[in-house]
Amino acid sequence: MQHTTAGTVRRLGNLFDESGHSVVIAMDHGFMGRPRGFEDPRGLIRAVIGAQPDGLILTAGMIRHAADLLTGRGAPGIVMAMDQVIHEVENSTGHVEAHRPLTSVEEALRLGVDVAKTMLVMGLDSRAEQAENIAYLASMSELCHRHEVPLMVEPYLHGRRVPTDPDARAACLADGARIALEVGADILKLEYTGDKESFRAVVDASPVPVFILGGPKRPTRRETLADVVDAAECGVVGLTIGRNVWQHPDPIRMVAALRTALVDRDLERAMAVLE
């Protein structure tokens, strides 16, 4: 996708390295309370920045509280979470009960944000709720593009009606990606389904960069890195991973291993970074 407005080009450029790849660390988990490993927000942000990621996903409040850590040459690009979901069970488990906006594009501009991130909740209980979510996304897209702020959209597969069958879930993801493109997404943030054939079809059909999300902490580092390698082989150019980085004993090495997996598409080489 070719962007012609200077603001959009420059902001998007702040999120990618020289090779055209992007390692973004998701750190917008404070709405869950205090996730394990995230008890000291400023300390964790400082440590993660030391790993030299290309970007961070943060809330508006945390961008304000950590502004002094997010400046200077080589500082990471900033993706701001524009909305939030509430799950039926604490700690982001179970189905989505509610989806609410948190902030505005005007606030994103005041805070010097590079990208705005919002969610498309798939499988909501009613068509009316789904329509409201899509209308919110369309309005957010119009405002973002008016002010030349790139929009990252995440089809979020946690509505009550999202199927559990793997093939049906992959189809739901493809539908969400298409809806996100229709409302004007500049970046897609997608769950990696584990099926390379169906996922590659979604990536190939996208005119905008595709990132994968990390989701819950994986049982092993190898599984996390293998997902990144597989997704990169499908054409993914970026990742947004949180708990699998900052709940790792050595976040700096984990970020380096993720970059190796994404750019080199080599699982064993990525694993070697952690040794």
Protein backbone atom coordinates (compact mmCIF):
# COMPACT_ATOMS: atom_id res chain seq x y z
CA MET A 1 0.00 0.00 0.00
CA GLN A 2 1.47 3.33 -1.05
CA HIS A 3 0.87 6.29 1.27
CA THR A 4 1.26 9.73 -0.26
CA THR A 5 0.64 12.06 2.70
CA ALA A 6 3.84 13.12 4.43
CA GLY A 7 2.48 12.67 7.96
CA THR A 8 1.32 9.11 7.34
CA VAL A 9 4.56 8.14 5.59
CA ARG A 10 6.73 9.52 8.40
CA ARG A 11 4.67 8.02 11.21
CA LEU A 12 4.56 4.59 9.60
CA GLY A 13 8.27 4.80 8.94
CA ASN A 14 8.93 5.24 12.65
CA LEU A 15 7.62 1.70 13.22
CA PHE A 16 9.87 -0.22 10.80
CA ASP A 17 13.57 -1.05 10.69
CA GLU A 18 15.81 -0.69 7.64
CA SER A 19 14.79 -4.13 6.37
CA GLY A 20 11.09 -3.24 6.37
CA HIS A 21 10.28 -5.38 9.42
CA SER A 22 8.86 -4.35 12.77
CA VAL A 23 9.18 -5.81 16.27
CA VAL A 24 6.61 -4.12 18.50
CA ILE A 25 6.21 -4.95 22.18
CA ALA A 26 2.64 -4.80 23.46
CA MET A 27 2.47 -3.10 26.85
CA ASP A 28 -1.17 -2.00 27.06
CA HIS A 29 -2.13 -4.74 29.52
CA GLY A 30 -2.65 -2.52 32.58
CA PHE A 31 -6.41 -2.46 32.06
CA MET A 32 -6.33 -6.04 33.36
CA GLY A 33 -4.94 -4.75 36.64
CA ARG A 34 -1.35 -5.78 37.38
CA PRO A 35 -0.21 -8.63 35.15
CA ARG A 36 2.66 -10.69 36.46
CA GLY A 37 5.90 -9.04 35.40
CA PHE A 38 4.24 -5.65 34.87
CA GLU A 39 4.06 -4.48 38.48
CA ASP A 40 6.52 -1.61 37.87
CA PRO A 41 5.40 0.05 34.60
CA ARG A 42 8.22 2.61 34.24
CA GLY A 43 10.85 0.05 35.18
CA LEU A 44 9.54 -2.44 32.65
CA ILE A 45 9.23 0.16 29.89
CA ARG A 46 12.83 1.23 30.54
CA ALA A 47 14.01 -2.39 30.38
CA VAL A 48 12.10 -3.17 27.19
CA ILE A 49 13.38 -0.03 25.47
CA GLY A 50 16.87 -1.33 26.27
CA ALA A 51 16.09 -4.29 24.02
CA GLN A 52 15.72 -1.85 21.08
CA PRO A 53 12.29 -2.81 19.75
CA ASP A 54 10.92 -0.88 16.80
CA GLY A 55 7.80 0.12 18.70
CA LEU A 56 5.71 -0.14 21.86
CA ILE A 57 1.95 -0.39 22.29
CA LEU A 58 0.94 1.77 25.23
CA THR A 59 -2.14 3.44 26.69
CA ALA A 60 -2.52 7.22 26.75
CA GLY A 61 -1.93 7.32 30.50
CA MET A 62 1.29 5.33 30.31
CA ILE A 63 2.58 7.45 27.43
CA ARG A 64 2.20 10.48 29.71
CA HIS A 65 3.80 8.76 32.72
CA ALA A 66 6.77 7.48 30.68
CA ALA A 67 7.17 10.38 28.24
CA ASP A 68 10.76 11.07 29.32
CA LEU A 69 11.68 7.46 28.48
CA LEU A 70 10.17 7.65 25.00
CA THR A 71 12.24 10.49 23.56
CA GLY A 72 15.61 10.88 21.91
CA ARG A 73 17.33 9.45 18.87
CA GLY A 74 16.54 5.77 18.47
CA ALA A 75 13.40 5.88 20.63
CA PRO A 76 10.76 3.31 19.65
CA GLY A 77 7.71 4.22 17.62
CA ILE A 78 4.57 4.58 19.72
CA VAL A 79 1.32 2.75 19.01
CA MET A 80 -1.51 3.96 21.24
CA ALA A 81 -4.38 1.71 22.32
CA MET A 82 -7.55 3.63 21.47
CA ASP A 83 -10.09 1.24 22.98
CA GLN A 84 -10.44 -1.68 25.37
CA VAL A 85 -12.53 -4.79 25.86
CA ILE A 86 -13.86 -6.26 29.09
CA HIS A 87 -13.98 -10.05 29.32
CA GLU A 88 -16.47 -12.10 31.27
CA VAL A 89 -13.62 -13.42 33.42
CA GLU A 90 -10.78 -11.36 34.89
CA ASN A 91 -7.32 -11.32 33.29
CA SER A 92 -8.68 -11.28 29.73
CA THR A 93 -10.16 -14.75 29.66
CA GLY A 94 -13.56 -15.84 28.47
CA HIS A 95 -15.74 -14.05 25.96
CA VAL A 96 -15.89 -10.29 25.48
CA GLU A 97 -18.61 -8.65 27.55
CA ALA A 98 -18.10 -5.04 26.45
CA HIS A 99 -16.04 -2.89 24.09
CA ARG A 100 -15.47 0.81 24.83
CA PRO A 101 -13.40 3.66 23.37
CA LEU A 102 -10.76 5.08 25.69
CA THR A 103 -9.35 8.15 24.02
CA SER A 104 -9.42 10.31 20.89
CA VAL A 105 -7.34 10.98 17.79
CA GLU A 106 -6.82 14.52 19.08
CA GLU A 107 -5.22 13.10 22.22
CA ALA A 108 -3.04 10.83 20.08
CA LEU A 109 -1.79 13.91 18.24
CA ARG A 110 -1.10 15.77 21.49
CA LEU A 111 0.94 12.83 22.74
CA GLY A 112 2.99 12.53 19.54
CA VAL A 113 1.74 9.03 18.74
CA ASP A 114 2.86 7.30 15.53
CA VAL A 115 0.02 4.79 15.10
CA ALA A 116 -3.47 4.41 16.59
CA LYS A 117 -4.61 0.85 17.39
CA THR A 118 -8.21 -0.25 17.69
CA MET A 119 -10.12 -3.52 17.88
CA LEU A 120 -12.81 -5.14 15.76
CA VAL A 121 -14.49 -7.64 18.08
CA MET A 122 -15.67 -10.59 16.06
CA GLY A 123 -18.58 -12.82 17.04
CA LEU A 124 -20.47 -10.41 19.28
CA ASP A 125 -23.83 -11.52 20.63
CA SER A 126 -25.96 -9.33 18.37
CA ARG A 127 -25.74 -7.86 14.89
CA ALA A 128 -26.49 -4.46 16.42
CA GLU A 129 -23.40 -4.67 18.65
CA GLN A 130 -21.31 -5.73 15.66
CA ALA A 131 -22.65 -2.82 13.62
CA GLU A 132 -21.81 -0.38 16.43
CA ASN A 133 -18.25 -1.70 16.58
CA ILE A 134 -17.82 -1.34 12.80
CA ALA A 135 -19.31 2.17 12.86
CA TYR A 136 -16.84 3.11 15.62
CA LEU A 137 -13.96 1.79 13.51
CA ALA A 138 -15.14 3.68 10.44
CA SER A 139 -15.37 6.92 12.42
CA MET A 140 -11.94 6.34 13.95
CA SER A 141 -10.50 5.63 10.51
CA GLU A 142 -11.92 8.84 9.07
CA LEU A 143 -10.46 10.91 11.92
CA CYS A 144 -7.09 9.17 11.76
CA HIS A 145 -6.74 9.73 8.04
CA ARG A 146 -7.90 13.34 8.32
CA HIS A 147 -4.97 13.94 10.68
CA GLU A 148 -2.55 11.58 8.87
CA VAL A 149 -2.28 9.11 11.76
CA PRO A 150 -1.96 5.49 10.55
CA LEU A 151 -4.56 3.08 11.91
CA MET A 152 -3.79 -0.45 13.11
CA VAL A 153 -6.88 -2.68 13.38
CA GLU A 154 -6.99 -5.95 15.29
CA PRO A 155 -9.82 -8.38 14.47
CA TYR A 156 -10.34 -9.77 17.98
CA LEU A 157 -11.64 -13.33 17.94
CA HIS A 158 -13.18 -13.43 21.39
CA GLY A 159 -16.86 -12.75 20.88
CA ARG A 160 -19.25 -15.39 22.18
CA ARG A 161 -20.18 -16.49 18.65
CA VAL A 162 -16.62 -17.03 17.36
CA PRO A 163 -16.39 -20.69 16.31
CA THR A 164 -13.99 -23.08 17.99
CA ASP A 165 -13.51 -25.29 14.92
CA PRO A 166 -10.06 -24.36 13.51
CA ASP A 167 -11.23 -24.01 9.90
CA ALA A 168 -14.25 -21.92 10.88
CA ARG A 169 -12.08 -19.78 13.16
CA ALA A 170 -9.64 -19.17 10.31
CA ALA A 171 -12.58 -18.10 8.12
CA CYS A 172 -13.71 -15.74 10.89
CA LEU A 173 -10.22 -14.21 10.98
CA ALA A 174 -10.30 -13.72 7.20
CA ASP A 175 -13.69 -12.00 7.49
CA GLY A 176 -12.33 -9.73 10.21
CA ALA A 177 -9.29 -8.82 8.12
CA ARG A 178 -11.51 -7.91 5.19
CA ILE A 179 -13.80 -5.75 7.35
CA ALA A 180 -10.75 -3.99 8.80
CA LEU A 181 -9.51 -3.22 5.29
CA GLU A 182 -12.94 -1.96 4.27
CA VAL A 183 -12.99 0.59 7.10
CA GLY A 184 -9.49 1.79 6.15
CA ALA A 185 -6.87 -0.06 8.21
CA ASP A 186 -3.26 0.85 7.41
CA ILE A 187 -1.90 -2.13 9.36
CA LEU A 188 -3.58 -5.43 10.22
CA LYS A 189 -2.81 -7.05 13.58
CA LEU A 190 -3.86 -10.69 13.30
CA GLU A 191 -3.91 -13.86 15.35
CA TYR A 192 -1.77 -16.54 13.73
CA THR A 193 -4.14 -19.46 13.24
CA GLY A 194 -1.47 -22.12 13.00
CA ASP A 195 -2.55 -23.12 9.49
CA LYS A 196 -0.07 -21.68 7.01
CA GLU A 197 -2.20 -22.21 3.92
CA SER A 198 -5.26 -20.31 5.14
CA PHE A 199 -3.18 -17.65 6.86
CA ARG A 200 -1.05 -17.04 3.76
CA ALA A 201 -4.24 -16.46 1.77
CA VAL A 202 -5.24 -13.68 4.21
CA VAL A 203 -1.79 -12.08 4.07
CA ASP A 204 -1.61 -12.31 0.27
CA ALA A 205 -5.00 -10.60 -0.02
CA SER A 206 -3.96 -7.67 2.17
CA PRO A 207 -2.78 -4.44 0.51
CA VAL A 208 -1.38 -3.27 3.87
CA PRO A 209 1.33 -4.67 6.18
CA VAL A 210 0.30 -7.60 8.37
CA PHE A 211 1.53 -8.08 11.94
CA ILE A 212 0.85 -11.06 14.18
CA LEU A 213 -0.11 -10.75 17.82
CA GLY A 214 1.32 -12.76 20.67
CA GLY A 215 -1.72 -13.64 22.75
CA PRO A 216 -1.35 -15.51 26.07
CA LYS A 217 2.12 -16.53 27.19
CA ARG A 218 3.09 -19.69 25.33
CA PRO A 219 4.30 -22.78 27.25
CA THR A 220 7.73 -22.70 25.57
CA ARG A 221 9.95 -20.18 23.83
CA ARG A 222 10.27 -22.53 20.88
CA GLU A 223 6.50 -22.40 20.27
CA THR A 224 6.50 -18.61 20.35
CA LEU A 225 9.41 -18.37 17.91
CA ALA A 226 8.05 -21.12 15.66
CA ASP A 227 4.81 -19.18 15.24
CA VAL A 228 6.79 -16.09 14.20
CA VAL A 229 8.86 -18.06 11.67
CA ASP A 230 5.74 -19.68 10.18
CA ALA A 231 3.92 -16.35 9.97
CA ALA A 232 6.94 -14.65 8.39
CA GLU A 233 7.04 -17.39 5.75
CA CYS A 234 3.42 -16.44 4.99
CA GLY A 235 4.45 -12.83 4.33
CA VAL A 236 4.00 -11.19 7.74
CA VAL A 237 6.38 -8.24 8.22
CA GLY A 238 5.74 -7.36 11.85
CA LEU A 239 4.77 -8.68 15.25
CA THR A 240 3.17 -7.26 18.38
CA ILE A 241 4.08 -9.48 21.31
CA GLY A 242 3.79 -8.63 25.00
CA ARG A 243 3.66 -11.27 27.72
CA ASN A 244 5.97 -13.63 25.84
CA VAL A 245 8.60 -10.87 26.10
CA TRP A 246 8.17 -9.13 29.44
CA GLN A 247 7.32 -12.33 31.34
CA HIS A 248 10.51 -13.87 29.96
CA PRO A 249 13.53 -13.95 32.34
CA ASP A 250 15.65 -12.09 29.75
CA PRO A 251 13.47 -9.69 27.71
CA ILE A 252 16.46 -8.28 25.82
CA ARG A 253 17.44 -11.65 24.41
CA MET A 254 13.83 -12.53 23.71
CA VAL A 255 13.38 -9.39 21.58
CA ALA A 256 16.58 -10.24 19.69
CA ALA A 257 15.34 -13.81 19.14
CA LEU A 258 11.99 -12.55 17.86
CA ARG A 259 13.74 -10.25 15.39
CA THR A 260 15.87 -13.15 14.15
CA ALA A 261 12.77 -15.32 13.72
CA LEU A 262 10.93 -12.57 11.85
CA VAL A 263 13.71 -11.37 9.57
CA ASP A 264 15.76 -14.56 9.01
CA ARG A 265 12.82 -17.02 9.24
CA ASP A 266 15.14 -19.47 10.95
CA LEU A 267 13.88 -21.18 14.13
CA GLU A 268 17.17 -22.75 15.18
CA ARG A 269 19.07 -19.50 14.70
CA ALA A 270 16.44 -17.68 16.77
CA MET A 271 16.67 -20.29 19.52
CA ALA A 272 20.44 -19.93 19.54
CA VAL A 273 20.05 -16.25 20.44
CA LEU A 274 18.51 -17.34 23.76
CA GLU A 275 21.33 -19.72 24.68
